[in-house]
Amino acid sequence: MKIQICTQVLKKYLSTKKISQNQLAKKIGVTKGYMSKIVKGKYIKPGNRVIAGLLHLT
């Protein structure tokens, strides 16, 4: 199963919650560089741990 992360939704989440990419990266257990790639849409094959972390944001 292929999963793509909607960068627009992620950016809106960051804006709404008023948190930085770095803070979100720490929250889900990835590096800030990796998070930057996710937000920019440059990394579209996140691992299960990243997907689980993003799903638990709400």
PDB file of N, CA and C in Angstrom:
ATOM      1  N   MET A   1       0.848  -1.179   0.000  1.00  0.00           N
ATOM      2  CA  MET A   1       0.000   0.000   0.000  1.00  0.00           C
ATOM      3  C   MET A   1       0.891   1.238   0.000  1.00  0.00           C
ATOM      4  N   LYS A   2       0.602   2.154  -0.883  1.00  0.00           N
ATOM      5  CA  LYS A   2       1.376   3.385  -0.988  1.00  0.00           C
ATOM      6  C   LYS A   2       0.662   4.496  -0.217  1.00  0.00           C
ATOM      7  N   ILE A   3       1.409   5.154   0.647  1.00  0.00           N
ATOM      8  CA  ILE A   3       0.842   6.246   1.434  1.00  0.00           C
ATOM      9  C   ILE A   3       1.610   7.515   1.121  1.00  0.00           C
ATOM     10  N   GLN A   4       0.892   8.565   0.785  1.00  0.00           N
ATOM     11  CA  GLN A   4       1.505   9.860   0.559  1.00  0.00           C
ATOM     12  C   GLN A   4       1.008  10.818   1.626  1.00  0.00           C
ATOM     13  N   ILE A   5       1.902  11.654   2.065  1.00  0.00           N
ATOM     14  CA  ILE A   5       1.545  12.630   3.080  1.00  0.00           C
ATOM     15  C   ILE A   5       1.135  13.917   2.387  1.00  0.00           C
ATOM     16  N   CYS A   6      -0.003  14.448   2.758  1.00  0.00           N
ATOM     17  CA  CYS A   6      -0.484  15.705   2.196  1.00  0.00           C
ATOM     18  C   CYS A   6       0.246  16.844   2.903  1.00  0.00           C
ATOM     19  N   THR A   7       1.188  17.442   2.212  1.00  0.00           N
ATOM     20  CA  THR A   7       2.008  18.481   2.828  1.00  0.00           C
ATOM     21  C   THR A   7       1.185  19.698   3.220  1.00  0.00           C
ATOM     22  N   GLN A   8       0.137  19.986   2.480  1.00  0.00           N
ATOM     23  CA  GLN A   8      -0.695  21.149   2.817  1.00  0.00           C
ATOM     24  C   GLN A   8      -1.380  20.954   4.167  1.00  0.00           C
ATOM     25  N   VAL A   9      -1.843  19.747   4.431  1.00  0.00           N
ATOM     26  CA  VAL A   9      -2.488  19.454   5.711  1.00  0.00           C
ATOM     27  C   VAL A   9      -1.462  19.558   6.838  1.00  0.00           C
ATOM     28  N   LEU A  10      -0.278  19.057   6.593  1.00  0.00           N
ATOM     29  CA  LEU A  10       0.777  19.111   7.596  1.00  0.00           C
ATOM     30  C   LEU A  10       1.180  20.556   7.896  1.00  0.00           C
ATOM     31  N   LYS A  11       1.305  21.366   6.864  1.00  0.00           N
ATOM     32  CA  LYS A  11       1.640  22.783   7.054  1.00  0.00           C
ATOM     33  C   LYS A  11       0.540  23.503   7.829  1.00  0.00           C
ATOM     34  N   LYS A  12      -0.708  23.179   7.525  1.00  0.00           N
ATOM     35  CA  LYS A  12      -1.823  23.802   8.240  1.00  0.00           C
ATOM     36  C   LYS A  12      -1.802  23.390   9.707  1.00  0.00           C
ATOM     37  N   TYR A  13      -1.487  22.130   9.967  1.00  0.00           N
ATOM     38  CA  TYR A  13      -1.385  21.653  11.346  1.00  0.00           C
ATOM     39  C   TYR A  13      -0.321  22.450  12.099  1.00  0.00           C
ATOM     40  N   LEU A  14       0.846  22.617  11.488  1.00  0.00           N
ATOM     41  CA  LEU A  14       1.927  23.371  12.128  1.00  0.00           C
ATOM     42  C   LEU A  14       1.488  24.795  12.435  1.00  0.00           C
ATOM     43  N   SER A  15       0.809  25.408  11.488  1.00  0.00           N
ATOM     44  CA  SER A  15       0.343  26.783  11.654  1.00  0.00           C
ATOM     45  C   SER A  15      -0.732  26.887  12.732  1.00  0.00           C
ATOM     46  N   THR A  16      -1.692  25.989  12.686  1.00  0.00           N
ATOM     47  CA  THR A  16      -2.798  26.011  13.642  1.00  0.00           C
ATOM     48  C   THR A  16      -2.313  25.780  15.071  1.00  0.00           C
ATOM     49  N   LYS A  17      -1.423  24.828  15.235  1.00  0.00           N
ATOM     50  CA  LYS A  17      -0.910  24.485  16.566  1.00  0.00           C
ATOM     51  C   LYS A  17       0.227  25.408  17.006  1.00  0.00           C
ATOM     52  N   LYS A  18       0.688  26.243  16.065  1.00  0.00           N
ATOM     53  CA  LYS A  18       1.787  27.182  16.332  1.00  0.00           C
ATOM     54  C   LYS A  18       3.024  26.465  16.864  1.00  0.00           C
ATOM     55  N   ILE A  19       3.397  25.404  16.143  1.00  0.00           N
ATOM     56  CA  ILE A  19       4.618  24.684  16.482  1.00  0.00           C
ATOM     57  C   ILE A  19       5.523  24.654  15.261  1.00  0.00           C
ATOM     58  N   SER A  20       6.803  24.498  15.506  1.00  0.00           N
ATOM     59  CA  SER A  20       7.775  24.469  14.418  1.00  0.00           C
ATOM     60  C   SER A  20       7.931  23.046  13.882  1.00  0.00           C
ATOM     61  N   GLN A  21       8.564  22.956  12.731  1.00  0.00           N
ATOM     62  CA  GLN A  21       8.864  21.641  12.171  1.00  0.00           C
ATOM     63  C   GLN A  21       9.761  20.869  13.132  1.00  0.00           C
ATOM     64  N   ASN A  22      10.692  21.576  13.766  1.00  0.00           N
ATOM     65  CA  ASN A  22      11.603  20.940  14.709  1.00  0.00           C
ATOM     66  C   ASN A  22      10.846  20.364  15.906  1.00  0.00           C
ATOM     67  N   GLN A  23       9.881  21.113  16.426  1.00  0.00           N
ATOM     68  CA  GLN A  23       9.079  20.618  17.549  1.00  0.00           C
ATOM     69  C   GLN A  23       8.278  19.386  17.147  1.00  0.00           C
ATOM     70  N   LEU A  24       7.713  19.423  15.949  1.00  0.00           N
ATOM     71  CA  LEU A  24       6.948  18.273  15.465  1.00  0.00           C
ATOM     72  C   LEU A  24       7.868  17.075  15.256  1.00  0.00           C
ATOM     73  N   ALA A  25       9.054  17.324  14.719  1.00  0.00           N
ATOM     74  CA  ALA A  25      10.022  16.248  14.511  1.00  0.00           C
ATOM     75  C   ALA A  25      10.337  15.549  15.830  1.00  0.00           C
ATOM     76  N   LYS A  26      10.580  16.333  16.867  1.00  0.00           N
ATOM     77  CA  LYS A  26      10.864  15.751  18.186  1.00  0.00           C
ATOM     78  C   LYS A  26       9.667  14.962  18.704  1.00  0.00           C
ATOM     79  N   LYS A  27       8.481  15.489  18.461  1.00  0.00           N
ATOM     80  CA  LYS A  27       7.258  14.850  18.955  1.00  0.00           C
ATOM     81  C   LYS A  27       7.043  13.468  18.348  1.00  0.00           C
ATOM     82  N   ILE A  28       7.387  13.315  17.061  1.00  0.00           N
ATOM     83  CA  ILE A  28       7.165  12.013  16.419  1.00  0.00           C
ATOM     84  C   ILE A  28       8.443  11.182  16.296  1.00  0.00           C
ATOM     85  N   GLY A  29       9.576  11.740  16.767  1.00  0.00           N
ATOM     86  CA  GLY A  29      10.810  10.963  16.822  1.00  0.00           C
ATOM     87  C   GLY A  29      11.617  10.890  15.543  1.00  0.00           C
ATOM     88  N   VAL A  30      11.667  11.993  14.797  1.00  0.00           N
ATOM     89  CA  VAL A  30      12.506  12.050  13.596  1.00  0.00           C
ATOM     90  C   VAL A  30      13.401  13.282  13.674  1.00  0.00           C
ATOM     91  N   THR A  31      14.390  13.361  12.788  1.00  0.00           N
ATOM     92  CA  THR A  31      15.271  14.524  12.774  1.00  0.00           C
ATOM     93  C   THR A  31      14.570  15.705  12.121  1.00  0.00           C
ATOM     94  N   LYS A  32      15.078  16.906  12.403  1.00  0.00           N
ATOM     95  CA  LYS A  32      14.467  18.088  11.796  1.00  0.00           C
ATOM     96  C   LYS A  32      14.685  18.099  10.282  1.00  0.00           C
ATOM     97  N   GLY A  33      15.792  17.542   9.811  1.00  0.00           N
ATOM     98  CA  GLY A  33      16.040  17.450   8.376  1.00  0.00           C
ATOM     99  C   GLY A  33      15.041  16.543   7.677  1.00  0.00           C
ATOM    100  N   TYR A  34      14.745  15.427   8.320  1.00  0.00           N
ATOM    101  CA  TYR A  34      13.769  14.475   7.782  1.00  0.00           C
ATOM    102  C   TYR A  34      12.388  15.118   7.742  1.00  0.00           C
ATOM    103  N   MET A  35      12.043  15.823   8.822  1.00  0.00           N
ATOM    104  CA  MET A  35      10.743  16.502   8.876  1.00  0.00           C
ATOM    105  C   MET A  35      10.654  17.558   7.788  1.00  0.00           C
ATOM    106  N   SER A  36      11.731  18.271   7.560  1.00  0.00           N
ATOM    107  CA  SER A  36      11.750  19.290   6.511  1.00  0.00           C
ATOM    108  C   SER A  36      11.449  18.669   5.152  1.00  0.00           C
ATOM    109  N   LYS A  37      12.045  17.514   4.889  1.00  0.00           N
ATOM    110  CA  LYS A  37      11.790  16.824   3.619  1.00  0.00           C
ATOM    111  C   LYS A  37      10.331  16.395   3.501  1.00  0.00           C
ATOM    112  N   ILE A  38       9.764  15.928   4.603  1.00  0.00           N
ATOM    113  CA  ILE A  38       8.361  15.516   4.587  1.00  0.00           C
ATOM    114  C   ILE A  38       7.468  16.708   4.273  1.00  0.00           C
ATOM    115  N   VAL A  39       7.711  17.832   4.964  1.00  0.00           N
ATOM    116  CA  VAL A  39       6.889  19.033   4.777  1.00  0.00           C
ATOM    117  C   VAL A  39       7.017  19.576   3.356  1.00  0.00           C
ATOM    118  N   LYS A  40       8.206  19.465   2.770  1.00  0.00           N
ATOM    119  CA  LYS A  40       8.427  19.949   1.404  1.00  0.00           C
ATOM    120  C   LYS A  40       7.940  18.957   0.350  1.00  0.00           C
ATOM    121  N   GLY A  41       7.546  17.767   0.793  1.00  0.00           N
ATOM    122  CA  GLY A  41       7.067  16.762  -0.150  1.00  0.00           C
ATOM    123  C   GLY A  41       8.180  16.033  -0.869  1.00  0.00           C
ATOM    124  N   LYS A  42       9.389  16.111  -0.341  1.00  0.00           N
ATOM    125  CA  LYS A  42      10.532  15.466  -0.986  1.00  0.00           C
ATOM    126  C   LYS A  42      10.747  14.035  -0.520  1.00  0.00           C
ATOM    127  N   TYR A  43      10.047  13.641   0.509  1.00  0.00           N
ATOM    128  CA  TYR A  43      10.189  12.279   1.013  1.00  0.00           C
ATOM    129  C   TYR A  43       8.801  11.687   1.156  1.00  0.00           C
ATOM    130  N   ILE A  44       8.427  10.855   0.220  1.00  0.00           N
ATOM    131  CA  ILE A  44       7.047  10.357   0.206  1.00  0.00           C
ATOM    132  C   ILE A  44       6.919   8.893   0.619  1.00  0.00           C
ATOM    133  N   LYS A  45       7.996   8.319   1.144  1.00  0.00           N
ATOM    134  CA  LYS A  45       7.932   6.929   1.594  1.00  0.00           C
ATOM    135  C   LYS A  45       8.295   6.850   3.077  1.00  0.00           C
ATOM    136  N   PRO A  46       7.497   7.464   3.921  1.00  0.00           N
ATOM    137  CA  PRO A  46       7.817   7.420   5.349  1.00  0.00           C
ATOM    138  C   PRO A  46       7.623   6.018   5.911  1.00  0.00           C
ATOM    139  N   GLY A  47       8.399   5.696   6.913  1.00  0.00           N
ATOM    140  CA  GLY A  47       8.278   4.399   7.563  1.00  0.00           C
ATOM    141  C   GLY A  47       7.052   4.331   8.459  1.00  0.00           C
ATOM    142  N   ASN A  48       6.794   3.148   8.954  1.00  0.00           N
ATOM    143  CA  ASN A  48       5.628   2.931   9.814  1.00  0.00           C
ATOM    144  C   ASN A  48       5.653   3.806  11.060  1.00  0.00           C
ATOM    145  N   ARG A  49       6.832   3.993  11.638  1.00  0.00           N
ATOM    146  CA  ARG A  49       6.955   4.805  12.852  1.00  0.00           C
ATOM    147  C   ARG A  49       6.545   6.245  12.583  1.00  0.00           C
ATOM    148  N   VAL A  50       6.959   6.785  11.441  1.00  0.00           N
ATOM    149  CA  VAL A  50       6.617   8.163  11.082  1.00  0.00           C
ATOM    150  C   VAL A  50       5.121   8.281  10.825  1.00  0.00           C
ATOM    151  N   ILE A  51       4.579   7.347  10.091  1.00  0.00           N
ATOM    152  CA  ILE A  51       3.138   7.366   9.806  1.00  0.00           C
ATOM    153  C   ILE A  51       2.344   7.290  11.107  1.00  0.00           C
ATOM    154  N   ALA A  52       2.746   6.397  11.990  1.00  0.00           N
ATOM    155  CA  ALA A  52       2.051   6.267  13.276  1.00  0.00           C
ATOM    156  C   ALA A  52       2.142   7.566  14.066  1.00  0.00           C
ATOM    157  N   GLY A  53       3.310   8.189  14.066  1.00  0.00           N
ATOM    158  CA  GLY A  53       3.475   9.453  14.779  1.00  0.00           C
ATOM    159  C   GLY A  53       2.591  10.546  14.222  1.00  0.00           C
ATOM    160  N   LEU A  54       2.503  10.629  12.915  1.00  0.00           N
ATOM    161  CA  LEU A  54       1.665  11.647  12.282  1.00  0.00           C
ATOM    162  C   LEU A  54       0.179  11.379  12.514  1.00  0.00           C
ATOM    163  N   LEU A  55      -0.198  10.126  12.553  1.00  0.00           N
ATOM    164  CA  LEU A  55      -1.602   9.785  12.781  1.00  0.00           C
ATOM    165  C   LEU A  55      -2.063  10.112  14.200  1.00  0.00           C
ATOM    166  N   HIS A  56      -1.134  10.162  15.129  1.00  0.00           N
ATOM    167  CA  HIS A  56      -1.480  10.426  16.527  1.00  0.00           C
ATOM    168  C   HIS A  56      -1.372  11.898  16.897  1.00  0.00           C
ATOM    169  N   LEU A  57      -1.327  12.780  15.935  1.00  0.00           N
ATOM    170  CA  LEU A  57      -1.176  14.208  16.208  1.00  0.00           C
ATOM    171  C   LEU A  57      -2.436  14.862  16.743  1.00  0.00           C
ATOM    172  N   THR A  58      -3.571  14.331  16.424  1.00  0.00           N
ATOM    173  CA  THR A  58      -4.814  15.005  16.807  1.00  0.00           C
ATOM    174  C   THR A  58      -5.137  14.876  18.265  1.00  0.00           C
TER     175      THR A  58
END
